[in-house]
C-alpha atoms as a PDB file:
ATOM      1  CA  ASP A   1      27.534  16.230 -30.226  1.00  0.00           C
ATOM      2  CA  TYR A   2      27.102  15.008 -26.714  1.00  0.00           C
ATOM      3  CA  ARG A   3      30.194  15.010 -24.445  1.00  0.00           C
ATOM      4  CA  GLN A   4      30.912  15.092 -20.644  1.00  0.00           C
ATOM      5  CA  GLU A   5      33.803  16.915 -18.711  1.00  0.00           C
ATOM      6  CA  PHE A   6      34.986  15.356 -15.614  1.00  0.00           C
ATOM      7  CA  ASN A   7      36.314  17.907 -13.176  1.00  0.00           C
ATOM      8  CA  PRO A   8      38.892  17.249 -10.351  1.00  0.00           C
ATOM      9  CA  ASP A   9      36.149  18.161  -7.889  1.00  0.00           C
ATOM     10  CA  GLY A  10      34.198  15.086  -8.963  1.00  0.00           C
ATOM     11  CA  SER A  11      31.607  17.369 -10.721  1.00  0.00           C
ATOM     12  CA  ILE A  12      30.444  16.541 -14.394  1.00  0.00           C
ATOM     13  CA  ARG A  13      29.576  19.340 -16.980  1.00  0.00           C
ATOM     14  CA  VAL A  14      27.743  18.062 -19.828  1.00  0.00           C
ATOM     15  CA  TYR A  15      27.916  19.694 -23.228  1.00  0.00           C
ATOM     16  CA  TRP A  16      25.812  19.678 -26.371  1.00  0.00           C
ATOM     17  CA  GLY A  17      28.143  20.854 -29.055  1.00  0.00           C
ATOM     18  CA  ASP A  18      29.989  23.869 -27.628  1.00  0.00           C
ATOM     19  CA  LYS A  19      27.137  24.607 -25.229  1.00  0.00           C
ATOM     20  CA  ASP A  20      27.088  23.829 -21.377  1.00  0.00           C
ATOM     21  CA  ILE A  21      23.829  21.946 -20.728  1.00  0.00           C
ATOM     22  CA  THR A  22      24.593  20.913 -17.270  1.00  0.00           C
ATOM     23  CA  ARG A  23      22.219  23.318 -15.535  1.00  0.00           C
ATOM     24  CA  LEU A  24      19.410  22.982 -18.364  1.00  0.00           C
ATOM     25  CA  ILE A  25      19.155  19.116 -17.986  1.00  0.00           C
ATOM     26  CA  ARG A  26      18.796  19.581 -14.093  1.00  0.00           C
ATOM     27  CA  GLY A  27      15.994  22.064 -14.388  1.00  0.00           C
ATOM     28  CA  GLU A  28      12.246  21.370 -13.621  1.00  0.00           C
ATOM     29  CA  LYS A  29      11.046  21.150 -17.324  1.00  0.00           C
ATOM     30  CA  VAL A  30      13.355  18.406 -17.631  1.00  0.00           C
ATOM     31  CA  THR A  31      12.876  16.586 -14.614  1.00  0.00           C
ATOM     32  CA  GLU A  32       9.068  16.846 -15.054  1.00  0.00           C
ATOM     33  CA  ASN A  33       9.357  14.802 -18.359  1.00  0.00           C
ATOM     34  CA  VAL A  34      12.171  12.335 -17.686  1.00  0.00           C
ATOM     35  CA  SER A  35       9.939   9.628 -16.560  1.00  0.00           C
ATOM     36  CA  THR A  36       7.696   9.910 -19.789  1.00  0.00           C
ATOM     37  CA  VAL A  37      10.753   9.904 -22.133  1.00  0.00           C
ATOM     38  CA  ALA A  38      12.337   7.091 -20.345  1.00  0.00           C
ATOM     39  CA  GLN A  39       9.253   4.897 -20.720  1.00  0.00           C
ATOM     40  CA  HIS A  40      10.205   4.553 -24.435  1.00  0.00           C
ATOM     41  CA  PRO A  41      12.414   1.216 -24.916  1.00  0.00           C
ATOM     42  CA  ARG A  42      14.531   2.802 -27.622  1.00  0.00           C
ATOM     43  CA  VAL A  43      15.390   5.695 -25.497  1.00  0.00           C
ATOM     44  CA  ARG A  44      16.130   3.506 -22.492  1.00  0.00           C
ATOM     45  CA  GLN A  45      18.308   1.224 -24.611  1.00  0.00           C
ATOM     46  CA  ALA A  46      20.326   4.001 -25.918  1.00  0.00           C
ATOM     47  CA  LEU A  47      20.939   5.645 -22.538  1.00  0.00           C
ATOM     48  CA  VAL A  48      21.706   2.333 -20.794  1.00  0.00           C
ATOM     49  CA  GLY A  49      24.361   1.776 -23.437  1.00  0.00           C
ATOM     50  CA  LEU A  50      25.970   5.048 -22.778  1.00  0.00           C
ATOM     51  CA  GLN A  51      25.837   4.564 -18.937  1.00  0.00           C
ATOM     52  CA  ARG A  52      27.303   1.072 -19.293  1.00  0.00           C
ATOM     53  CA  GLU A  53      30.112   2.515 -21.637  1.00  0.00           C
ATOM     54  CA  MET A  54      30.863   5.297 -18.901  1.00  0.00           C
ATOM     55  CA  ALA A  55      31.030   2.549 -16.095  1.00  0.00           C
ATOM     56  CA  ARG A  56      33.330   0.274 -18.173  1.00  0.00           C
ATOM     57  CA  THR A  57      35.835   3.024 -19.029  1.00  0.00           C
ATOM     58  CA  ASP A  58      35.926   5.105 -15.705  1.00  0.00           C
ATOM     59  CA  ARG A  59      35.518   4.655 -12.097  1.00  0.00           C
ATOM     60  CA  VAL A  60      32.247   6.044 -11.327  1.00  0.00           C
ATOM     61  CA  VAL A  61      29.551   6.414  -8.838  1.00  0.00           C
ATOM     62  CA  MET A  62      26.283   6.476 -10.835  1.00  0.00           C
ATOM     63  CA  ASP A  63      23.002   7.493  -9.509  1.00  0.00           C
ATOM     64  CA  GLY A  64      19.557   7.098 -11.071  1.00  0.00           C
ATOM     65  CA  ARG A  65      16.074   5.086 -10.414  1.00  0.00           C
ATOM     66  CA  ASP A  66      17.411   1.769 -12.262  1.00  0.00           C
ATOM     67  CA  ILE A  67      21.075   1.678 -11.957  1.00  0.00           C
ATOM     68  CA  GLY A  68      21.422  -1.182  -9.588  1.00  0.00           C
ATOM     69  CA  THR A  69      18.765  -3.208 -11.203  1.00  0.00           C
ATOM     70  CA  ASN A  70      18.901  -2.501 -14.858  1.00  0.00           C
ATOM     71  CA  VAL A  71      21.724  -0.379 -15.918  1.00  0.00           C
ATOM     72  CA  LEU A  72      24.837  -2.057 -13.671  1.00  0.00           C
ATOM     73  CA  PRO A  73      23.242  -5.054 -12.204  1.00  0.00           C
ATOM     74  CA  ASP A  74      26.851  -6.726 -11.417  1.00  0.00           C
ATOM     75  CA  ALA A  75      28.004  -3.204  -9.686  1.00  0.00           C
ATOM     76  CA  PRO A  76      30.008  -4.226  -6.642  1.00  0.00           C
ATOM     77  CA  TYR A  77      28.357  -1.933  -4.204  1.00  0.00           C
ATOM     78  CA  LYS A  78      24.741  -0.795  -4.581  1.00  0.00           C
ATOM     79  CA  PHE A  79      23.026   1.644  -2.420  1.00  0.00           C
ATOM     80  CA  PHE A  80      19.141   2.411  -2.625  1.00  0.00           C
ATOM     81  CA  LEU A  81      18.870   5.992  -1.137  1.00  0.00           C
ATOM     82  CA  THR A  82      15.460   7.148  -0.074  1.00  0.00           C
ATOM     83  CA  ALA A  83      13.870   9.764   2.285  1.00  0.00           C
ATOM     84  CA  SER A  84      10.267  10.786   3.007  1.00  0.00           C
ATOM     85  CA  LEU A  85       8.364  12.538   0.502  1.00  0.00           C
ATOM     86  CA  GLU A  86       8.282  15.810   2.354  1.00  0.00           C
ATOM     87  CA  GLU A  87      12.346  15.873   2.824  1.00  0.00           C
ATOM     88  CA  ARG A  88      12.912  14.959  -0.888  1.00  0.00           C
ATOM     89  CA  ALA A  89      10.251  17.677  -1.940  1.00  0.00           C
ATOM     90  CA  LYS A  90      12.079  20.248   0.475  1.00  0.00           C
ATOM     91  CA  ARG A  91      15.341  19.473  -0.697  1.00  0.00           C
ATOM     92  CA  ARG A  92      14.262  19.579  -4.521  1.00  0.00           C
ATOM     93  CA  TYR A  93      12.320  22.941  -3.791  1.00  0.00           C
ATOM     94  CA  LEU A  94      15.496  24.370  -2.366  1.00  0.00           C
ATOM     95  CA  GLU A  95      17.529  23.273  -5.376  1.00  0.00           C
ATOM     96  CA  LEU A  96      15.087  24.860  -7.715  1.00  0.00           C
ATOM     97  CA  LEU A  97      14.830  28.076  -5.852  1.00  0.00           C
ATOM     98  CA  SER A  98      18.530  28.561  -6.049  1.00  0.00           C
ATOM     99  CA  GLN A  99      18.473  27.864  -9.777  1.00  0.00           C
ATOM    100  CA  GLY A 100      15.932  30.679 -10.082  1.00  0.00           C
ATOM    101  CA  GLU A 101      12.898  28.449 -10.701  1.00  0.00           C
ATOM    102  CA  LYS A 102       9.534  29.884  -9.407  1.00  0.00           C
ATOM    103  CA  VAL A 103       7.906  26.672  -7.958  1.00  0.00           C
ATOM    104  CA  THR A 104       5.953  26.033  -4.560  1.00  0.00           C
ATOM    105  CA  LEU A 105       6.777  23.178  -2.138  1.00  0.00           C
ATOM    106  CA  GLU A 106       3.523  21.813  -2.735  1.00  0.00           C
ATOM    107  CA  GLU A 107       3.839  21.677  -6.552  1.00  0.00           C
ATOM    108  CA  VAL A 108       7.244  20.015  -6.265  1.00  0.00           C
ATOM    109  CA  LYS A 109       5.846  17.605  -3.846  1.00  0.00           C
ATOM    110  CA  ARG A 110       2.976  16.787  -5.882  1.00  0.00           C
ATOM    111  CA  ASP A 111       5.265  16.203  -8.958  1.00  0.00           C
ATOM    112  CA  ILE A 112       7.514  13.816  -6.924  1.00  0.00           C
ATOM    113  CA  ALA A 113       4.791  11.951  -5.746  1.00  0.00           C
ATOM    114  CA  ARG A 114       3.446  11.581  -9.326  1.00  0.00           C
ATOM    115  CA  ARG A 115       6.903  10.696 -10.704  1.00  0.00           C
ATOM    116  CA  ASP A 116       7.584   7.969  -8.036  1.00  0.00           C
ATOM    117  CA  GLU A 117       4.178   6.398  -8.934  1.00  0.00           C
ATOM    118  CA  ARG A 118       4.843   6.408 -12.587  1.00  0.00           C
ATOM    119  CA  ASP A 119       8.556   4.976 -12.299  1.00  0.00           C
ATOM    120  CA  SER A 120       7.256   2.391  -9.942  1.00  0.00           C
ATOM    121  CA  GLN A 121       4.739   1.107 -12.185  1.00  0.00           C
ATOM    122  CA  ARG A 122       6.419   1.401 -15.524  1.00  0.00           C
ATOM    123  CA  PRO A 123       6.623  -2.115 -17.211  1.00  0.00           C
ATOM    124  CA  VAL A 124      10.460  -1.596 -18.252  1.00  0.00           C
ATOM    125  CA  ALA A 125      13.129  -1.097 -15.331  1.00  0.00           C
ATOM    126  CA  PRO A 126      10.730  -0.016 -12.606  1.00  0.00           C
ATOM    127  CA  LEU A 127      11.918   1.983  -9.680  1.00  0.00           C
ATOM    128  CA  LYS A 128      12.746  -0.562  -6.885  1.00  0.00           C
ATOM    129  CA  PRO A 129      15.823  -1.517  -4.819  1.00  0.00           C
ATOM    130  CA  ALA A 130      18.071  -3.962  -6.164  1.00  0.00           C
ATOM    131  CA  ALA A 131      17.987  -7.384  -4.058  1.00  0.00           C
ATOM    132  CA  ASP A 132      21.676  -6.895  -2.957  1.00  0.00           C
ATOM    133  CA  ALA A 133      21.312  -3.163  -2.457  1.00  0.00           C
ATOM    134  CA  VAL A 134      21.786  -1.369   1.112  1.00  0.00           C
ATOM    135  CA  ILE A 135      19.015   0.815   1.551  1.00  0.00           C
ATOM    136  CA  VAL A 136      19.690   4.200   3.066  1.00  0.00           C
ATOM    137  CA  ASP A 137      17.053   6.486   4.784  1.00  0.00           C
ATOM    138  CA  THR A 138      18.664   9.858   4.207  1.00  0.00           C
ATOM    139  CA  THR A 139      15.808  11.690   5.695  1.00  0.00           C
ATOM    140  CA  HIS A 140      17.506  12.641   8.717  1.00  0.00           C
ATOM    141  CA  MET A 141      21.180  12.818   7.275  1.00  0.00           C
ATOM    142  CA  ASN A 142      23.219  15.575   5.724  1.00  0.00           C
ATOM    143  CA  PRO A 143      25.286  14.593   2.622  1.00  0.00           C
ATOM    144  CA  GLU A 144      28.437  14.151   4.692  1.00  0.00           C
ATOM    145  CA  GLU A 145      26.703  11.540   6.869  1.00  0.00           C
ATOM    146  CA  VAL A 146      25.182   9.755   4.029  1.00  0.00           C
ATOM    147  CA  VAL A 147      28.605   9.544   2.374  1.00  0.00           C
ATOM    148  CA  ASP A 148      30.182   8.333   5.711  1.00  0.00           C
ATOM    149  CA  PHE A 149      27.631   5.648   6.075  1.00  0.00           C
ATOM    150  CA  MET A 150      28.143   4.349   2.519  1.00  0.00           C
ATOM    151  CA  LEU A 151      31.967   4.322   2.792  1.00  0.00           C
ATOM    152  CA  GLU A 152      31.606   2.478   6.118  1.00  0.00           C
ATOM    153  CA  LYS A 153      29.470  -0.202   4.403  1.00  0.00           C
ATOM    154  CA  ILE A 154      32.065  -0.336   1.509  1.00  0.00           C
ATOM    155  CA  LYS A 155      34.805  -0.924   4.073  1.00  0.00           C
ATOM    156  CA  GLU A 156      32.867  -3.691   6.033  1.00  0.00           C
ATOM    157  CA  ARG A 157      32.162  -5.608   2.795  1.00  0.00           C
ATOM    158  CA  SER A 158      35.791  -5.310   1.688  1.00  0.00           C
ATOM    159  CA  LEU A 159      37.015  -6.741   5.048  1.00  0.00           C
ATOM    160  CA  LYS A 160      34.389  -9.639   4.949  1.00  0.00           C
ATOM    161  CA  ALA A 161      35.712 -10.362   1.487  1.00  0.00           C
ATOM    162  CA  ARG A 162      39.146 -10.392   2.669  1.00  0.00           C
ATOM    163  CA  ASP A 163      38.384 -12.722   5.462  1.00  0.00           C
END
């Protein structure tokens, strides 16, 4: 019995029955197994269906490694966010520490590199930017700068569409 709860602050809580599993699904155990599970076509098909349904019924900002290429190829705005491996590892490491996980920066870096390799090479919906995505290197940007950059690109595109 899966459900989501959308909060006024833009966050989403995820529930299985009455249990809030939001934090659990963002933990290291899930993250390190996501790529393996996602390789199974039936799993991908089911999840893509759920994601498309969410996008059809709500205005969403969706992130994931194949959203622009596979899940929502006709989305009006696509951004491919990237950063150096070192920066992504540092960010994930700090996130995991804040959740009480016991990991080292080197372990996180190694896991991210492995996941990138696995996801880039998978035959179904590999990790790659959509042809029409704006690529944003966030290595030296804070979250507010990333959002500002993306909003500026959306405004530019909207203005061009009106002309």
